Amino acid sequence: MSGLETGIYLENTTRGEIINNTVD
């Protein structure tokens, strides 16, 4: 993932979803 894609992903994903995806 490029930096830009990561930024867009973080902006469009809630913190809870990020945590769940990271744990999985």
PDB file of N, CA and C in Angstrom:
ATOM      1  N   MET A   1       0.849  -1.199   0.000  1.00  0.00           N
ATOM      2  CA  MET A   1       0.000   0.000   0.000  1.00  0.00           C
ATOM      3  C   MET A   1       0.882   1.246   0.000  1.00  0.00           C
ATOM      4  N   SER A   2       0.536   2.184  -0.844  1.00  0.00           N
ATOM      5  CA  SER A   2       1.288   3.442  -0.855  1.00  0.00           C
ATOM      6  C   SER A   2       0.827   4.330   0.288  1.00  0.00           C
ATOM      7  N   GLY A   3       1.583   5.369   0.582  1.00  0.00           N
ATOM      8  CA  GLY A   3       1.208   6.290   1.656  1.00  0.00           C
ATOM      9  C   GLY A   3      -0.152   6.902   1.402  1.00  0.00           C
ATOM     10  N   LEU A   4      -0.421   7.278   0.139  1.00  0.00           N
ATOM     11  CA  LEU A   4      -1.705   7.906  -0.187  1.00  0.00           C
ATOM     12  C   LEU A   4      -2.841   6.925   0.050  1.00  0.00           C
ATOM     13  N   GLU A   5      -2.673   5.690  -0.389  1.00  0.00           N
ATOM     14  CA  GLU A   5      -3.720   4.682  -0.186  1.00  0.00           C
ATOM     15  C   GLU A   5      -3.963   4.441   1.299  1.00  0.00           C
ATOM     16  N   THR A   6      -2.888   4.432   2.075  1.00  0.00           N
ATOM     17  CA  THR A   6      -3.026   4.227   3.517  1.00  0.00           C
ATOM     18  C   THR A   6      -3.811   5.366   4.136  1.00  0.00           C
ATOM     19  N   GLY A   7      -3.506   6.605   3.729  1.00  0.00           N
ATOM     20  CA  GLY A   7      -4.215   7.768   4.264  1.00  0.00           C
ATOM     21  C   GLY A   7      -5.692   7.708   3.947  1.00  0.00           C
ATOM     22  N   ILE A   8      -6.025   7.334   2.706  1.00  0.00           N
ATOM     23  CA  ILE A   8      -7.437   7.241   2.312  1.00  0.00           C
ATOM     24  C   ILE A   8      -8.110   6.134   3.124  1.00  0.00           C
ATOM     25  N   TYR A   9      -7.421   5.004   3.294  1.00  0.00           N
ATOM     26  CA  TYR A   9      -7.975   3.885   4.053  1.00  0.00           C
ATOM     27  C   TYR A   9      -8.279   4.313   5.480  1.00  0.00           C
ATOM     28  N   LEU A  10      -7.331   5.010   6.096  1.00  0.00           N
ATOM     29  CA  LEU A  10      -7.533   5.430   7.483  1.00  0.00           C
ATOM     30  C   LEU A  10      -8.664   6.434   7.583  1.00  0.00           C
ATOM     31  N   GLU A  11      -8.784   7.333   6.593  1.00  0.00           N
ATOM     32  CA  GLU A  11      -9.838   8.349   6.639  1.00  0.00           C
ATOM     33  C   GLU A  11     -11.216   7.721   6.475  1.00  0.00           C
ATOM     34  N   ASN A  12     -11.295   6.600   5.750  1.00  0.00           N
ATOM     35  CA  ASN A  12     -12.590   5.996   5.440  1.00  0.00           C
ATOM     36  C   ASN A  12     -12.888   4.780   6.318  1.00  0.00           C
ATOM     37  N   THR A  13     -12.076   4.548   7.337  1.00  0.00           N
ATOM     38  CA  THR A  13     -12.268   3.395   8.211  1.00  0.00           C
ATOM     39  C   THR A  13     -12.307   3.861   9.656  1.00  0.00           C
ATOM     40  N   THR A  14     -13.247   3.340  10.434  1.00  0.00           N
ATOM     41  CA  THR A  14     -13.305   3.748  11.837  1.00  0.00           C
ATOM     42  C   THR A  14     -12.156   3.111  12.599  1.00  0.00           C
ATOM     43  N   ARG A  15     -11.805   3.692  13.727  1.00  0.00           N
ATOM     44  CA  ARG A  15     -10.703   3.159  14.535  1.00  0.00           C
ATOM     45  C   ARG A  15     -10.999   1.714  14.952  1.00  0.00           C
ATOM     46  N   GLY A  16     -12.226   1.411  15.296  1.00  0.00           N
ATOM     47  CA  GLY A  16     -12.588   0.054  15.703  1.00  0.00           C
ATOM     48  C   GLY A  16     -12.346  -0.947  14.592  1.00  0.00           C
ATOM     49  N   GLU A  17     -12.684  -0.574  13.365  1.00  0.00           N
ATOM     50  CA  GLU A  17     -12.481  -1.479  12.242  1.00  0.00           C
ATOM     51  C   GLU A  17     -10.997  -1.692  11.994  1.00  0.00           C
ATOM     52  N   ILE A  18     -10.200  -0.637  12.155  1.00  0.00           N
ATOM     53  CA  ILE A  18      -8.756  -0.769  11.959  1.00  0.00           C
ATOM     54  C   ILE A  18      -8.190  -1.747  12.983  1.00  0.00           C
ATOM     55  N   ILE A  19      -8.619  -1.613  14.241  1.00  0.00           N
ATOM     56  CA  ILE A  19      -8.125  -2.500  15.296  1.00  0.00           C
ATOM     57  C   ILE A  19      -8.541  -3.938  14.985  1.00  0.00           C
ATOM     58  N   ASN A  20      -9.787  -4.147  14.594  1.00  0.00           N
ATOM     59  CA  ASN A  20     -10.266  -5.497  14.306  1.00  0.00           C
ATOM     60  C   ASN A  20      -9.496  -6.103  13.140  1.00  0.00           C
ATOM     61  N   ASN A  21      -9.246  -5.323  12.088  1.00  0.00           N
ATOM     62  CA  ASN A  21      -8.519  -5.831  10.931  1.00  0.00           C
ATOM     63  C   ASN A  21      -7.078  -6.153  11.299  1.00  0.00           C
ATOM     64  N   THR A  22      -6.488  -5.350  12.185  1.00  0.00           N
ATOM     65  CA  THR A  22      -5.099  -5.581  12.585  1.00  0.00           C
ATOM     66  C   THR A  22      -4.998  -6.854  13.419  1.00  0.00           C
ATOM     67  N   VAL A  23      -5.945  -7.066  14.320  1.00  0.00           N
ATOM     68  CA  VAL A  23      -5.927  -8.258  15.172  1.00  0.00           C
ATOM     69  C   VAL A  23      -6.121  -9.508  14.326  1.00  0.00           C
ATOM     70  N   ASP A  24      -7.042  -9.468  13.386  1.00  0.00           N
ATOM     71  CA  ASP A  24      -7.297 -10.609  12.513  1.00  0.00           C
ATOM     72  C   ASP A  24      -6.085 -10.830  11.614  1.00  0.00           C
TER      73      ASP A  24
END
